[in-house]
Protein backbone atom coordinates (compact mmCIF):
# COMPACT_ATOMS: atom_id res chain seq x y z
CA GLN A 1 75.76 110.54 106.32
CA VAL A 2 75.11 106.52 105.83
CA HIS A 3 72.42 104.64 107.57
CA LEU A 4 72.41 101.11 107.36
CA ALA A 5 69.49 98.72 107.81
CA GLU A 6 69.68 95.43 108.41
CA SER A 7 67.35 92.06 107.67
CA GLY A 8 67.66 88.09 107.68
CA GLY A 9 68.68 87.22 110.78
CA GLY A 10 66.49 84.28 112.48
CA LEU A 11 66.34 80.97 113.89
CA VAL A 12 68.05 78.01 112.16
CA GLN A 13 69.14 74.58 112.39
CA ALA A 14 72.79 73.61 112.29
CA GLY A 15 73.90 72.82 109.03
CA GLY A 16 71.42 75.00 107.56
CA SER A 17 71.85 78.52 105.87
CA LEU A 18 70.71 82.35 106.28
CA ARG A 19 71.03 85.44 104.22
CA LEU A 20 71.66 88.82 105.80
CA SER A 21 70.82 92.19 103.93
CA CYS A 22 71.96 95.35 104.54
CA ALA A 23 70.97 98.31 102.73
CA ALA A 24 72.77 101.59 102.82
CA SER A 25 71.40 105.02 102.41
CA GLY A 26 73.63 107.92 101.88
CA ARG A 27 77.19 108.14 99.96
CA ILE A 28 79.35 105.35 100.01
CA PHE A 29 82.86 106.51 98.84
CA SER A 30 85.05 104.49 96.77
CA SER A 31 87.24 104.41 99.45
CA SER A 32 84.95 102.43 101.77
CA THR A 33 85.19 99.06 103.40
CA MET A 34 81.66 97.54 104.51
CA GLY A 35 81.84 94.93 107.20
CA TRP A 36 80.07 92.25 109.37
CA PHE A 37 80.91 91.98 112.74
CA ARG A 38 79.10 89.70 115.05
CA GLN A 39 78.76 89.87 119.21
CA SER A 40 77.76 87.31 121.60
CA PRO A 41 76.52 87.81 125.39
CA GLY A 42 79.84 88.34 127.26
CA LYS A 43 82.08 88.51 124.41
CA GLU A 44 83.52 91.56 122.43
CA ARG A 45 82.83 92.40 118.89
CA GLU A 46 84.36 89.88 116.30
CA PHE A 47 85.34 90.92 113.07
CA VAL A 48 83.64 88.36 110.50
CA ALA A 49 83.77 89.65 106.98
CA ALA A 50 84.88 92.48 104.93
CA ILE A 51 84.39 93.96 101.35
CA LYS A 52 85.88 96.79 99.76
CA TRP A 53 83.36 98.92 97.77
CA SER A 54 85.80 99.92 95.09
CA ASN A 55 87.07 96.46 93.70
CA GLY A 56 84.95 94.17 95.45
CA ILE A 57 88.49 92.43 97.01
CA THR A 58 87.22 90.39 100.36
CA TYR A 59 88.51 89.31 103.54
CA TYR A 60 87.36 86.29 106.22
CA THR A 61 87.99 85.75 109.67
CA ASP A 62 89.47 82.08 109.83
CA SER A 63 86.52 80.41 111.27
CA VAL A 64 83.88 81.54 108.80
CA LYS A 65 86.08 80.54 105.60
CA GLY A 66 84.50 78.49 103.26
CA ARG A 67 81.48 78.66 105.05
CA PHE A 68 80.42 82.41 104.70
CA THR A 69 80.61 84.73 101.52
CA ILE A 70 80.27 88.72 101.47
CA SER A 71 78.91 90.29 98.59
CA ARG A 72 77.97 93.82 97.01
CA ASP A 73 75.91 95.65 94.19
CA ASN A 74 77.23 99.50 94.17
CA ALA A 75 74.35 100.44 92.20
CA LYS A 76 71.97 99.06 94.37
CA ASN A 77 73.79 99.94 98.01
CA MET A 78 73.39 96.65 99.16
CA VAL A 79 75.91 94.38 100.93
CA TRP A 80 75.26 90.59 101.82
CA LEU A 81 76.09 88.01 104.07
CA GLN A 82 75.67 84.38 102.70
CA MET A 83 76.14 82.06 105.53
CA ASN A 84 76.00 78.44 105.08
CA SER A 85 76.95 75.22 107.15
CA LEU A 86 76.18 77.45 110.45
CA ASN A 87 76.84 75.83 113.66
CA PRO A 88 75.92 76.78 117.34
CA GLU A 89 79.09 78.89 117.48
CA ASP A 90 77.74 81.14 114.85
CA THR A 91 74.99 82.15 116.98
CA ALA A 92 75.17 86.07 117.80
CA VAL A 93 73.99 89.69 116.66
CA TYR A 94 75.09 90.22 113.72
CA TYR A 95 76.24 93.96 112.31
CA CYS A 96 76.73 95.65 109.49
CA ALA A 97 79.12 98.18 109.30
CA ALA A 98 80.68 100.59 107.14
CA ALA A 99 84.12 102.19 107.55
CA SER A 100 84.87 105.73 105.50
CA TYR A 101 88.55 104.64 105.36
CA CYS A 102 90.88 101.76 106.85
CA ALA A 103 93.94 99.91 105.46
CA GLY A 104 95.48 96.75 106.48
CA VAL A 105 94.57 95.25 110.12
CA ASP A 106 92.79 98.28 110.65
CA CYS A 107 89.70 96.84 108.51
CA TYR A 108 89.58 94.06 110.78
CA ARG A 109 89.21 96.42 113.82
CA ALA A 110 85.39 97.82 114.98
CA ARG A 111 86.78 101.20 116.26
CA PHE A 112 87.64 102.02 112.75
CA TYR A 113 84.15 101.53 111.62
CA ASN A 114 81.94 104.89 111.61
CA TYR A 115 78.49 103.57 110.76
CA TRP A 116 76.81 100.51 112.14
CA GLY A 117 73.68 98.79 111.72
CA GLN A 118 70.98 98.00 114.30
CA GLY A 119 71.75 94.26 114.51
CA THR A 120 70.20 91.37 113.51
CA GLN A 121 70.04 88.08 116.03
CA VAL A 122 71.00 84.80 114.26
CA THR A 123 70.33 81.67 116.44
CA VAL A 124 71.59 78.00 115.35
CA SER A 125 70.30 75.38 117.38
CA SER A 126 71.97 72.06 117.85
């Protein structure tokens, strides 16, 4: 029932910034968690950040803490990922995802997310 549409990817130099957007259609339940994942060629999908839809509590993987910020607007069904101080290691396809329900460490696992966007390429040059 939920469709996710992403935008904002592109090419940026190291140290630069990008803002990714995710527009959700359909109903997002209060128990849902919205997340961002990334995947590089030859690697498994990696958790980046998540936000609880109901209370706005956020979670980040250690490598992006202090650089990335996830936010949401419940009224607009929108989620953003602001990425600052980008480095080449951030290069990946970034996916917006929604989990109907997750708790604890399950919210960091891709298999607990039910809906996925198409992905948007982020390339950071050195």
